[in-house]
Amino acid sequence: MDYTGVIIEESLKDASILKKVKVLDTRIEPVTEADKTPWLKIWTLHTVEIPEDQAESYAEEVRQALKIDHTAWYADFKNDTTHYIIFPQKIFKIDRTRAEEYQEASDYGISLGIPYYQVDFSQSIIK
């Protein structure tokens, strides 16, 4: 089963990795104060589809492409059973039925300075 997720173009050192997957939708949104990225006025959100057999390798490519600059960035994609949450220095491959795995990823993101509401993955848990 293929994966879908969102990658913020401004989070990438090299946006050419977006050409390796199918882009389903692109939205440009204003950045708000709550987003805690005052150096940006807008961000470009690409909804992407990743073939199941490429998920592991693409997660690693995204990890390497994420910027380490003003703030911590992450990207994620999921299917019905598995959720990849990708930070510049760590990839979480989460079983979507395991809340404790999501908590570990959330805690990690918060430790990097990402606002809690951006790493609250509780809505992704399958009960």
N, C-alpha and C. Protein backbone atom coordinates (compact mmCIF):
# COMPACT_ATOMS: atom_id res chain seq x y z
N MET A 1 0.84 -1.18 0.00
CA MET A 1 0.00 0.00 0.00
C MET A 1 0.89 1.25 0.00
N ASP A 2 0.64 2.15 -0.92
CA ASP A 2 1.44 3.36 -1.04
C ASP A 2 1.24 4.28 0.16
N TYR A 3 2.17 5.19 0.31
CA TYR A 3 2.17 6.16 1.42
C TYR A 3 1.81 7.54 0.88
N THR A 4 1.18 8.35 1.72
CA THR A 4 0.97 9.76 1.40
C THR A 4 1.42 10.60 2.59
N GLY A 5 1.82 11.81 2.29
CA GLY A 5 2.25 12.72 3.34
C GLY A 5 2.49 14.10 2.79
N VAL A 6 3.00 14.96 3.67
CA VAL A 6 3.25 16.35 3.30
C VAL A 6 4.72 16.68 3.53
N ILE A 7 5.32 17.31 2.54
CA ILE A 7 6.68 17.80 2.66
C ILE A 7 6.65 19.30 2.39
N ILE A 8 7.22 20.06 3.32
CA ILE A 8 7.30 21.52 3.17
C ILE A 8 8.54 21.85 2.36
N GLU A 9 8.34 22.46 1.22
CA GLU A 9 9.46 22.74 0.32
C GLU A 9 10.55 23.55 0.99
N GLU A 10 10.16 24.52 1.80
CA GLU A 10 11.13 25.40 2.45
C GLU A 10 11.98 24.66 3.50
N SER A 11 11.58 23.44 3.85
CA SER A 11 12.36 22.65 4.82
C SER A 11 13.51 21.90 4.16
N LEU A 12 13.56 21.94 2.84
CA LEU A 12 14.53 21.12 2.11
C LEU A 12 15.74 21.92 1.64
N LYS A 13 16.91 21.31 1.76
CA LYS A 13 18.12 21.90 1.19
C LYS A 13 18.08 21.79 -0.33
N ASP A 14 17.48 20.72 -0.81
CA ASP A 14 17.39 20.47 -2.25
C ASP A 14 16.00 19.91 -2.56
N ALA A 15 15.18 20.73 -3.16
CA ALA A 15 13.79 20.35 -3.44
C ALA A 15 13.67 19.37 -4.60
N SER A 16 14.78 19.03 -5.24
CA SER A 16 14.69 18.10 -6.37
C SER A 16 14.21 16.72 -5.94
N ILE A 17 14.29 16.38 -4.65
CA ILE A 17 13.79 15.08 -4.22
C ILE A 17 12.28 14.96 -4.43
N LEU A 18 11.60 16.09 -4.56
CA LEU A 18 10.16 16.06 -4.83
C LEU A 18 9.86 15.49 -6.22
N LYS A 19 10.85 15.55 -7.11
CA LYS A 19 10.66 15.02 -8.46
C LYS A 19 10.68 13.49 -8.49
N LYS A 20 11.10 12.87 -7.40
CA LYS A 20 11.21 11.42 -7.34
C LYS A 20 9.91 10.74 -6.92
N VAL A 21 8.91 11.55 -6.54
CA VAL A 21 7.62 11.00 -6.12
C VAL A 21 6.50 11.75 -6.82
N LYS A 22 5.32 11.21 -6.71
CA LYS A 22 4.15 11.86 -7.31
C LYS A 22 3.64 12.95 -6.36
N VAL A 23 3.55 14.18 -6.85
CA VAL A 23 2.99 15.29 -6.07
C VAL A 23 1.50 15.34 -6.38
N LEU A 24 0.68 15.10 -5.35
CA LEU A 24 -0.76 15.06 -5.51
C LEU A 24 -1.41 16.43 -5.42
N ASP A 25 -0.79 17.32 -4.62
CA ASP A 25 -1.36 18.64 -4.39
C ASP A 25 -0.26 19.55 -3.87
N THR A 26 -0.38 20.84 -4.16
CA THR A 26 0.54 21.84 -3.63
C THR A 26 -0.28 23.01 -3.13
N ARG A 27 0.00 23.41 -1.89
CA ARG A 27 -0.66 24.57 -1.29
C ARG A 27 0.40 25.53 -0.78
N ILE A 28 0.14 26.81 -0.96
CA ILE A 28 1.00 27.84 -0.39
C ILE A 28 0.20 28.51 0.70
N GLU A 29 0.78 28.53 1.92
CA GLU A 29 0.07 29.09 3.07
C GLU A 29 0.94 30.14 3.75
N PRO A 30 0.29 31.15 4.33
CA PRO A 30 1.06 32.11 5.11
C PRO A 30 1.55 31.47 6.40
N VAL A 31 2.72 31.88 6.83
CA VAL A 31 3.27 31.42 8.10
C VAL A 31 2.72 32.33 9.19
N THR A 32 2.27 31.74 10.28
CA THR A 32 1.73 32.52 11.39
C THR A 32 2.75 32.57 12.53
N GLU A 33 2.51 33.44 13.48
CA GLU A 33 3.40 33.54 14.64
C GLU A 33 3.47 32.21 15.39
N ALA A 34 2.38 31.50 15.46
CA ALA A 34 2.34 30.21 16.16
C ALA A 34 3.23 29.16 15.51
N ASP A 35 3.53 29.34 14.23
CA ASP A 35 4.38 28.38 13.51
C ASP A 35 5.85 28.46 13.94
N LYS A 36 6.21 29.56 14.60
CA LYS A 36 7.56 29.78 15.11
C LYS A 36 8.64 29.68 14.03
N THR A 37 8.33 30.23 12.87
CA THR A 37 9.31 30.33 11.78
C THR A 37 9.27 31.76 11.22
N PRO A 38 9.69 32.73 12.04
CA PRO A 38 9.54 34.14 11.63
C PRO A 38 10.38 34.55 10.43
N TRP A 39 11.36 33.75 10.02
CA TRP A 39 12.18 34.07 8.86
C TRP A 39 11.46 33.74 7.55
N LEU A 40 10.30 33.07 7.66
CA LEU A 40 9.49 32.75 6.47
C LEU A 40 8.19 33.52 6.50
N LYS A 41 7.72 33.95 5.36
CA LYS A 41 6.41 34.60 5.25
C LYS A 41 5.36 33.61 4.76
N ILE A 42 5.80 32.66 3.93
CA ILE A 42 4.90 31.62 3.41
C ILE A 42 5.65 30.28 3.44
N TRP A 43 4.87 29.20 3.35
CA TRP A 43 5.51 27.93 3.06
C TRP A 43 4.69 27.16 2.05
N THR A 44 5.38 26.28 1.36
CA THR A 44 4.79 25.53 0.26
C THR A 44 4.67 24.08 0.69
N LEU A 45 3.43 23.61 0.81
CA LEU A 45 3.18 22.26 1.29
C LEU A 45 2.82 21.36 0.12
N HIS A 46 3.63 20.34 -0.07
CA HIS A 46 3.39 19.39 -1.15
C HIS A 46 2.86 18.09 -0.55
N THR A 47 1.68 17.69 -0.97
CA THR A 47 1.16 16.38 -0.61
C THR A 47 1.71 15.40 -1.64
N VAL A 48 2.40 14.38 -1.13
CA VAL A 48 3.11 13.45 -2.02
C VAL A 48 2.63 12.02 -1.81
N GLU A 49 2.87 11.21 -2.83
CA GLU A 49 2.58 9.79 -2.77
C GLU A 49 3.89 9.04 -3.02
N ILE A 50 4.20 8.09 -2.12
CA ILE A 50 5.43 7.33 -2.21
C ILE A 50 5.06 5.85 -2.39
N PRO A 51 5.57 5.20 -3.42
CA PRO A 51 5.30 3.77 -3.58
C PRO A 51 5.81 2.99 -2.36
N GLU A 52 5.06 1.98 -1.97
CA GLU A 52 5.41 1.20 -0.78
C GLU A 52 6.83 0.66 -0.84
N ASP A 53 7.25 0.19 -1.99
CA ASP A 53 8.57 -0.41 -2.10
C ASP A 53 9.71 0.61 -2.08
N GLN A 54 9.38 1.89 -2.06
CA GLN A 54 10.40 2.95 -2.01
C GLN A 54 10.38 3.72 -0.69
N ALA A 55 9.50 3.36 0.23
CA ALA A 55 9.31 4.14 1.45
C ALA A 55 10.57 4.25 2.29
N GLU A 56 11.24 3.14 2.53
CA GLU A 56 12.46 3.16 3.36
C GLU A 56 13.53 4.06 2.75
N SER A 57 13.81 3.85 1.48
CA SER A 57 14.89 4.62 0.85
C SER A 57 14.50 6.09 0.70
N TYR A 58 13.22 6.36 0.42
CA TYR A 58 12.81 7.76 0.29
C TYR A 58 12.85 8.47 1.64
N ALA A 59 12.50 7.77 2.70
CA ALA A 59 12.60 8.37 4.04
C ALA A 59 14.03 8.80 4.32
N GLU A 60 14.98 7.98 3.93
CA GLU A 60 16.39 8.33 4.14
C GLU A 60 16.79 9.53 3.27
N GLU A 61 16.31 9.58 2.04
CA GLU A 61 16.60 10.73 1.19
C GLU A 61 16.03 12.02 1.77
N VAL A 62 14.81 11.94 2.29
CA VAL A 62 14.19 13.11 2.91
C VAL A 62 15.01 13.53 4.14
N ARG A 63 15.40 12.56 4.95
CA ARG A 63 16.20 12.86 6.15
C ARG A 63 17.45 13.66 5.77
N GLN A 64 18.13 13.22 4.74
CA GLN A 64 19.35 13.90 4.31
C GLN A 64 19.07 15.26 3.68
N ALA A 65 17.88 15.44 3.14
CA ALA A 65 17.54 16.70 2.45
C ALA A 65 17.00 17.77 3.39
N LEU A 66 16.57 17.38 4.60
CA LEU A 66 16.00 18.37 5.51
C LEU A 66 17.06 19.35 6.00
N LYS A 67 16.70 20.60 6.04
CA LYS A 67 17.61 21.64 6.51
C LYS A 67 17.82 21.52 8.02
N ILE A 68 18.99 21.92 8.41
CA ILE A 68 19.29 22.12 9.83
C ILE A 68 19.73 23.57 9.91
N ASP A 69 18.75 24.45 10.11
CA ASP A 69 19.07 25.87 10.10
C ASP A 69 18.46 26.56 11.31
N HIS A 70 17.51 27.43 11.08
CA HIS A 70 16.89 28.21 12.15
C HIS A 70 16.12 27.34 13.14
N THR A 71 15.59 26.26 12.67
CA THR A 71 14.72 25.43 13.50
C THR A 71 14.84 23.98 13.05
N ALA A 72 14.21 23.13 13.79
CA ALA A 72 14.13 21.73 13.39
C ALA A 72 12.98 21.56 12.41
N TRP A 73 13.18 20.76 11.43
CA TRP A 73 12.16 20.45 10.46
C TRP A 73 11.85 18.96 10.53
N TYR A 74 10.67 18.60 10.06
CA TYR A 74 10.38 17.19 9.89
C TYR A 74 9.42 17.05 8.72
N ALA A 75 9.33 15.84 8.23
CA ALA A 75 8.37 15.49 7.18
C ALA A 75 7.78 14.15 7.59
N ASP A 76 6.64 13.83 7.04
CA ASP A 76 6.07 12.52 7.36
C ASP A 76 5.21 12.02 6.22
N PHE A 77 5.08 10.70 6.18
CA PHE A 77 4.15 10.06 5.26
C PHE A 77 3.70 8.74 5.88
N LYS A 78 2.50 8.31 5.52
CA LYS A 78 1.92 7.12 6.15
C LYS A 78 1.00 6.39 5.18
N ASN A 79 0.75 5.13 5.54
CA ASN A 79 -0.30 4.36 4.89
C ASN A 79 -1.20 3.82 6.00
N ASP A 80 -1.97 2.79 5.75
CA ASP A 80 -2.92 2.31 6.75
C ASP A 80 -2.25 1.64 7.95
N THR A 81 -1.01 1.22 7.84
CA THR A 81 -0.38 0.48 8.93
C THR A 81 0.88 1.12 9.49
N THR A 82 1.59 1.89 8.67
CA THR A 82 2.90 2.40 9.06
C THR A 82 3.00 3.91 8.80
N HIS A 83 3.70 4.59 9.69
CA HIS A 83 3.87 6.04 9.60
C HIS A 83 5.36 6.34 9.74
N TYR A 84 5.93 6.97 8.74
CA TYR A 84 7.31 7.45 8.81
C TYR A 84 7.29 8.91 9.24
N ILE A 85 8.00 9.21 10.32
CA ILE A 85 8.18 10.59 10.77
C ILE A 85 9.68 10.84 10.71
N ILE A 86 10.07 11.82 9.91
CA ILE A 86 11.47 11.99 9.52
C ILE A 86 12.00 13.33 10.01
N PHE A 87 13.02 13.27 10.82
CA PHE A 87 13.73 14.45 11.29
C PHE A 87 15.13 14.42 10.64
N PRO A 88 15.86 15.53 10.67
CA PRO A 88 17.17 15.55 10.01
C PRO A 88 18.16 14.51 10.55
N GLN A 89 17.99 14.10 11.80
CA GLN A 89 18.96 13.16 12.36
C GLN A 89 18.33 11.87 12.86
N LYS A 90 17.03 11.67 12.57
CA LYS A 90 16.39 10.46 13.06
C LYS A 90 15.12 10.19 12.27
N ILE A 91 14.90 8.90 11.98
CA ILE A 91 13.67 8.47 11.32
C ILE A 91 12.92 7.55 12.26
N PHE A 92 11.64 7.84 12.45
CA PHE A 92 10.76 6.96 13.21
C PHE A 92 9.89 6.21 12.22
N LYS A 93 9.91 4.89 12.32
CA LYS A 93 9.02 4.04 11.53
C LYS A 93 8.02 3.47 12.54
N ILE A 94 6.82 3.99 12.50
CA ILE A 94 5.85 3.74 13.56
C ILE A 94 4.74 2.81 13.12
N ASP A 95 4.45 1.85 13.98
CA ASP A 95 3.28 1.00 13.84
C ASP A 95 2.10 1.86 14.29
N ARG A 96 1.17 2.11 13.41
CA ARG A 96 0.10 3.07 13.69
C ARG A 96 -0.85 2.64 14.80
N THR A 97 -0.71 1.44 15.31
CA THR A 97 -1.55 1.00 16.43
C THR A 97 -0.86 1.21 17.78
N ARG A 98 0.37 1.73 17.77
CA ARG A 98 1.15 1.83 19.00
C ARG A 98 1.35 3.28 19.44
N ALA A 99 0.51 3.71 20.37
CA ALA A 99 0.54 5.10 20.85
C ALA A 99 1.90 5.46 21.43
N GLU A 100 2.57 4.51 22.09
CA GLU A 100 3.86 4.81 22.71
C GLU A 100 4.93 5.16 21.68
N GLU A 101 4.83 4.59 20.49
CA GLU A 101 5.78 4.94 19.44
C GLU A 101 5.55 6.38 18.97
N TYR A 102 4.29 6.77 18.88
CA TYR A 102 3.98 8.15 18.53
C TYR A 102 4.47 9.11 19.61
N GLN A 103 4.32 8.72 20.86
CA GLN A 103 4.76 9.58 21.96
C GLN A 103 6.26 9.81 21.88
N GLU A 104 7.01 8.77 21.56
CA GLU A 104 8.47 8.91 21.44
C GLU A 104 8.82 9.91 20.33
N ALA A 105 8.14 9.83 19.19
CA ALA A 105 8.40 10.75 18.09
C ALA A 105 8.01 12.18 18.48
N SER A 106 6.88 12.34 19.15
CA SER A 106 6.45 13.67 19.61
C SER A 106 7.46 14.26 20.58
N ASP A 107 7.88 13.46 21.56
CA ASP A 107 8.86 13.93 22.54
C ASP A 107 10.16 14.35 21.86
N TYR A 108 10.58 13.58 20.87
CA TYR A 108 11.80 13.91 20.15
C TYR A 108 11.64 15.26 19.44
N GLY A 109 10.53 15.45 18.73
CA GLY A 109 10.30 16.71 18.03
C GLY A 109 10.27 17.90 18.98
N ILE A 110 9.63 17.73 20.12
CA ILE A 110 9.57 18.80 21.12
C ILE A 110 10.97 19.11 21.64
N SER A 111 11.79 18.08 21.82
CA SER A 111 13.16 18.30 22.31
C SER A 111 13.99 19.13 21.33
N LEU A 112 13.57 19.12 20.06
CA LEU A 112 14.27 19.91 19.04
C LEU A 112 13.73 21.34 18.94
N GLY A 113 12.66 21.64 19.69
CA GLY A 113 12.08 22.97 19.67
C GLY A 113 10.87 23.12 18.77
N ILE A 114 10.38 22.03 18.24
CA ILE A 114 9.17 22.08 17.40
C ILE A 114 7.96 22.24 18.33
N PRO A 115 7.06 23.18 18.04
CA PRO A 115 5.88 23.36 18.90
C PRO A 115 5.06 22.07 19.00
N TYR A 116 4.54 21.81 20.19
CA TYR A 116 3.79 20.58 20.45
C TYR A 116 2.69 20.35 19.42
N TYR A 117 1.92 21.40 19.12
CA TYR A 117 0.78 21.19 18.22
C TYR A 117 1.22 20.69 16.84
N GLN A 118 2.48 20.93 16.47
CA GLN A 118 2.97 20.46 15.17
C GLN A 118 3.41 19.00 15.21
N VAL A 119 3.68 18.48 16.40
CA VAL A 119 4.11 17.08 16.52
C VAL A 119 3.13 16.26 17.35
N ASP A 120 1.91 16.70 17.43
CA ASP A 120 0.86 15.91 18.10
C ASP A 120 0.32 14.93 17.07
N PHE A 121 0.87 13.73 17.08
CA PHE A 121 0.49 12.72 16.09
C PHE A 121 -0.65 11.83 16.58
N SER A 122 -1.31 12.20 17.68
CA SER A 122 -2.33 11.34 18.26
C SER A 122 -3.48 11.04 17.31
N GLN A 123 -3.79 11.94 16.40
CA GLN A 123 -4.86 11.69 15.44
C GLN A 123 -4.51 10.61 14.42
N SER A 124 -3.24 10.22 14.38
CA SER A 124 -2.79 9.20 13.43
C SER A 124 -2.86 7.78 13.98
N ILE A 125 -3.11 7.66 15.27
CA ILE A 125 -3.17 6.35 15.91
C ILE A 125 -4.42 5.62 15.44
N ILE A 126 -4.24 4.36 15.07
CA ILE A 126 -5.37 3.51 14.69
C ILE A 126 -5.73 2.66 15.90
N LYS A 127 -6.96 2.77 16.31
CA LYS A 127 -7.40 2.02 17.51
C LYS A 127 -8.16 0.79 17.12
